[in-house]
Amino acid sequence: EGVDALYSTVQMPPGIPVATVGIDGAKNAAYLACEILSIKYPEIARRLEVLRAEMREELEEKSKTLKERRK
């Protein structure tokens, strides 16, 4: 039942692109929308770059903290 629903969504014919995000994935849906809009609007692209750099730094810091705790 669930697999049939999945296939009906992801197996669209050429010319009918499908963009999906996870259940309760509102943040990722917003990122996806911004990614699409960034093609036309360079300011959105620039802001996404800044945001992703900040996210990367935060993740690296969390990773470092976890590695230190494991010692």
N, C-alpha and C. Protein backbone atom coordinates (compact mmCIF):
# COMPACT_ATOMS: atom_id res chain seq x y z
N GLU A 1 0.83 -1.20 0.00
CA GLU A 1 0.00 0.00 0.00
C GLU A 1 0.87 1.25 0.00
N GLY A 2 1.76 1.37 0.96
CA GLY A 2 2.63 2.54 1.03
C GLY A 2 3.58 2.61 -0.15
N VAL A 3 4.07 1.45 -0.58
CA VAL A 3 5.01 1.41 -1.70
C VAL A 3 4.33 1.87 -2.98
N ASP A 4 3.08 1.49 -3.18
CA ASP A 4 2.34 1.93 -4.37
C ASP A 4 2.22 3.45 -4.39
N ALA A 5 1.94 4.05 -3.25
CA ALA A 5 1.83 5.51 -3.17
C ALA A 5 3.18 6.15 -3.48
N LEU A 6 4.25 5.55 -2.97
CA LEU A 6 5.58 6.08 -3.24
C LEU A 6 5.89 6.02 -4.73
N TYR A 7 5.64 4.88 -5.34
CA TYR A 7 5.92 4.73 -6.77
C TYR A 7 5.09 5.70 -7.61
N SER A 8 3.85 5.92 -7.24
CA SER A 8 3.02 6.83 -8.03
C SER A 8 3.53 8.26 -7.95
N THR A 9 4.28 8.57 -6.91
CA THR A 9 4.84 9.91 -6.76
C THR A 9 6.18 10.04 -7.47
N VAL A 10 7.07 9.08 -7.28
CA VAL A 10 8.44 9.24 -7.77
C VAL A 10 8.66 8.77 -9.20
N GLN A 11 7.74 8.02 -9.76
CA GLN A 11 7.91 7.54 -11.13
C GLN A 11 7.05 8.33 -12.10
N MET A 12 7.31 9.62 -12.15
CA MET A 12 6.58 10.49 -13.06
C MET A 12 7.26 10.46 -14.43
N PRO A 13 6.50 10.73 -15.47
CA PRO A 13 7.08 10.72 -16.82
C PRO A 13 8.01 11.92 -17.03
N PRO A 14 8.85 11.85 -18.05
CA PRO A 14 9.72 12.99 -18.36
C PRO A 14 8.91 14.28 -18.51
N GLY A 15 9.46 15.35 -17.99
CA GLY A 15 8.78 16.64 -18.05
C GLY A 15 7.95 16.95 -16.82
N ILE A 16 7.81 15.97 -15.93
CA ILE A 16 7.07 16.17 -14.68
C ILE A 16 8.03 15.90 -13.52
N PRO A 17 8.86 16.89 -13.18
CA PRO A 17 9.83 16.67 -12.10
C PRO A 17 9.13 16.58 -10.74
N VAL A 18 9.74 15.83 -9.85
CA VAL A 18 9.20 15.66 -8.50
C VAL A 18 10.29 16.04 -7.50
N ALA A 19 9.96 16.95 -6.62
CA ALA A 19 10.87 17.32 -5.53
C ALA A 19 10.19 16.89 -4.23
N THR A 20 10.88 16.10 -3.44
CA THR A 20 10.27 15.60 -2.21
C THR A 20 11.12 15.93 -1.01
N VAL A 21 10.47 16.03 0.13
CA VAL A 21 11.15 16.17 1.41
C VAL A 21 10.49 15.20 2.37
N GLY A 22 11.14 14.96 3.48
CA GLY A 22 10.62 14.01 4.45
C GLY A 22 9.34 14.48 5.13
N ILE A 23 8.68 13.54 5.75
CA ILE A 23 7.49 13.86 6.53
C ILE A 23 7.89 14.82 7.64
N ASP A 24 7.09 15.84 7.88
CA ASP A 24 7.40 16.90 8.85
C ASP A 24 8.69 17.61 8.50
N GLY A 25 8.99 17.73 7.21
CA GLY A 25 10.23 18.34 6.76
C GLY A 25 10.04 19.78 6.29
N ALA A 26 9.34 20.58 7.08
CA ALA A 26 9.04 21.96 6.67
C ALA A 26 10.31 22.77 6.43
N LYS A 27 11.31 22.59 7.28
CA LYS A 27 12.55 23.35 7.08
C LYS A 27 13.22 22.96 5.77
N ASN A 28 13.30 21.67 5.50
CA ASN A 28 13.91 21.23 4.25
C ASN A 28 13.08 21.66 3.04
N ALA A 29 11.76 21.72 3.20
CA ALA A 29 10.91 22.21 2.11
C ALA A 29 11.22 23.68 1.82
N ALA A 30 11.44 24.45 2.88
CA ALA A 30 11.79 25.86 2.70
C ALA A 30 13.15 25.99 2.02
N TYR A 31 14.12 25.16 2.43
CA TYR A 31 15.44 25.19 1.79
C TYR A 31 15.32 24.82 0.31
N LEU A 32 14.50 23.83 0.01
CA LEU A 32 14.31 23.42 -1.38
C LEU A 32 13.70 24.56 -2.20
N ALA A 33 12.70 25.22 -1.64
CA ALA A 33 12.08 26.35 -2.35
C ALA A 33 13.10 27.46 -2.59
N CYS A 34 13.91 27.74 -1.58
CA CYS A 34 14.94 28.78 -1.74
C CYS A 34 15.98 28.37 -2.78
N GLU A 35 16.32 27.10 -2.80
CA GLU A 35 17.27 26.61 -3.80
C GLU A 35 16.73 26.82 -5.21
N ILE A 36 15.46 26.54 -5.40
CA ILE A 36 14.84 26.75 -6.70
C ILE A 36 14.82 28.24 -7.05
N LEU A 37 14.42 29.07 -6.10
CA LEU A 37 14.35 30.51 -6.34
C LEU A 37 15.73 31.13 -6.57
N SER A 38 16.75 30.51 -5.98
CA SER A 38 18.10 31.07 -6.10
C SER A 38 18.63 31.03 -7.54
N ILE A 39 18.02 30.21 -8.37
CA ILE A 39 18.42 30.17 -9.78
C ILE A 39 18.19 31.53 -10.44
N LYS A 40 17.10 32.17 -10.08
CA LYS A 40 16.77 33.47 -10.68
C LYS A 40 17.22 34.64 -9.81
N TYR A 41 17.26 34.45 -8.50
CA TYR A 41 17.53 35.56 -7.59
C TYR A 41 18.87 35.35 -6.88
N PRO A 42 19.92 36.02 -7.34
CA PRO A 42 21.26 35.86 -6.77
C PRO A 42 21.34 36.17 -5.27
N GLU A 43 20.51 37.07 -4.79
CA GLU A 43 20.54 37.40 -3.36
C GLU A 43 20.13 36.20 -2.51
N ILE A 44 19.17 35.45 -2.99
CA ILE A 44 18.77 34.23 -2.27
C ILE A 44 19.91 33.23 -2.30
N ALA A 45 20.58 33.10 -3.43
CA ALA A 45 21.72 32.19 -3.53
C ALA A 45 22.81 32.58 -2.55
N ARG A 46 23.08 33.88 -2.45
CA ARG A 46 24.11 34.37 -1.53
C ARG A 46 23.73 34.06 -0.08
N ARG A 47 22.48 34.30 0.26
CA ARG A 47 22.03 34.04 1.63
C ARG A 47 22.08 32.55 1.96
N LEU A 48 21.77 31.71 0.98
CA LEU A 48 21.87 30.27 1.20
C LEU A 48 23.32 29.86 1.46
N GLU A 49 24.24 30.44 0.72
CA GLU A 49 25.66 30.15 0.94
C GLU A 49 26.08 30.52 2.35
N VAL A 50 25.67 31.71 2.80
CA VAL A 50 26.01 32.16 4.15
C VAL A 50 25.38 31.24 5.19
N LEU A 51 24.12 30.92 5.01
CA LEU A 51 23.42 30.04 5.95
C LEU A 51 24.09 28.68 6.03
N ARG A 52 24.43 28.12 4.89
CA ARG A 52 25.05 26.79 4.89
C ARG A 52 26.44 26.82 5.51
N ALA A 53 27.16 27.90 5.32
CA ALA A 53 28.47 28.03 5.97
C ALA A 53 28.30 28.08 7.48
N GLU A 54 27.30 28.81 7.95
CA GLU A 54 27.02 28.88 9.39
C GLU A 54 26.62 27.51 9.92
N MET A 55 25.78 26.80 9.17
CA MET A 55 25.34 25.47 9.59
C MET A 55 26.53 24.51 9.64
N ARG A 56 27.43 24.62 8.66
CA ARG A 56 28.62 23.77 8.62
C ARG A 56 29.49 24.01 9.84
N GLU A 57 29.72 25.29 10.16
CA GLU A 57 30.53 25.63 11.33
C GLU A 57 29.91 25.09 12.61
N GLU A 58 28.60 25.24 12.74
CA GLU A 58 27.90 24.74 13.92
C GLU A 58 28.03 23.23 14.03
N LEU A 59 27.87 22.55 12.92
CA LEU A 59 27.98 21.09 12.91
C LEU A 59 29.40 20.64 13.26
N GLU A 60 30.40 21.33 12.71
CA GLU A 60 31.79 20.99 13.02
C GLU A 60 32.08 21.19 14.50
N GLU A 61 31.53 22.24 15.09
CA GLU A 61 31.73 22.49 16.52
C GLU A 61 31.06 21.40 17.36
N LYS A 62 29.86 21.01 16.99
CA LYS A 62 29.17 19.94 17.70
C LYS A 62 29.94 18.63 17.57
N SER A 63 30.45 18.35 16.39
CA SER A 63 31.23 17.14 16.17
C SER A 63 32.48 17.14 17.03
N LYS A 64 33.14 18.27 17.09
CA LYS A 64 34.35 18.40 17.91
C LYS A 64 34.02 18.16 19.38
N THR A 65 32.92 18.73 19.85
CA THR A 65 32.50 18.55 21.24
C THR A 65 32.23 17.08 21.53
N LEU A 66 31.54 16.40 20.64
CA LEU A 66 31.25 14.98 20.84
C LEU A 66 32.52 14.14 20.85
N LYS A 67 33.45 14.45 19.96
CA LYS A 67 34.71 13.70 19.92
C LYS A 67 35.49 13.89 21.21
N GLU A 68 35.47 15.10 21.76
CA GLU A 68 36.18 15.36 23.01
C GLU A 68 35.54 14.62 24.17
N ARG A 69 34.23 14.48 24.17
CA ARG A 69 33.53 13.75 25.23
C ARG A 69 33.83 12.26 25.19
N ARG A 70 34.11 11.74 24.01
CA ARG A 70 34.38 10.31 23.87
C ARG A 70 35.75 9.92 24.39
N LYS A 71 36.64 10.88 24.57
CA LYS A 71 38.00 10.58 25.02
C LYS A 71 38.02 10.18 26.47
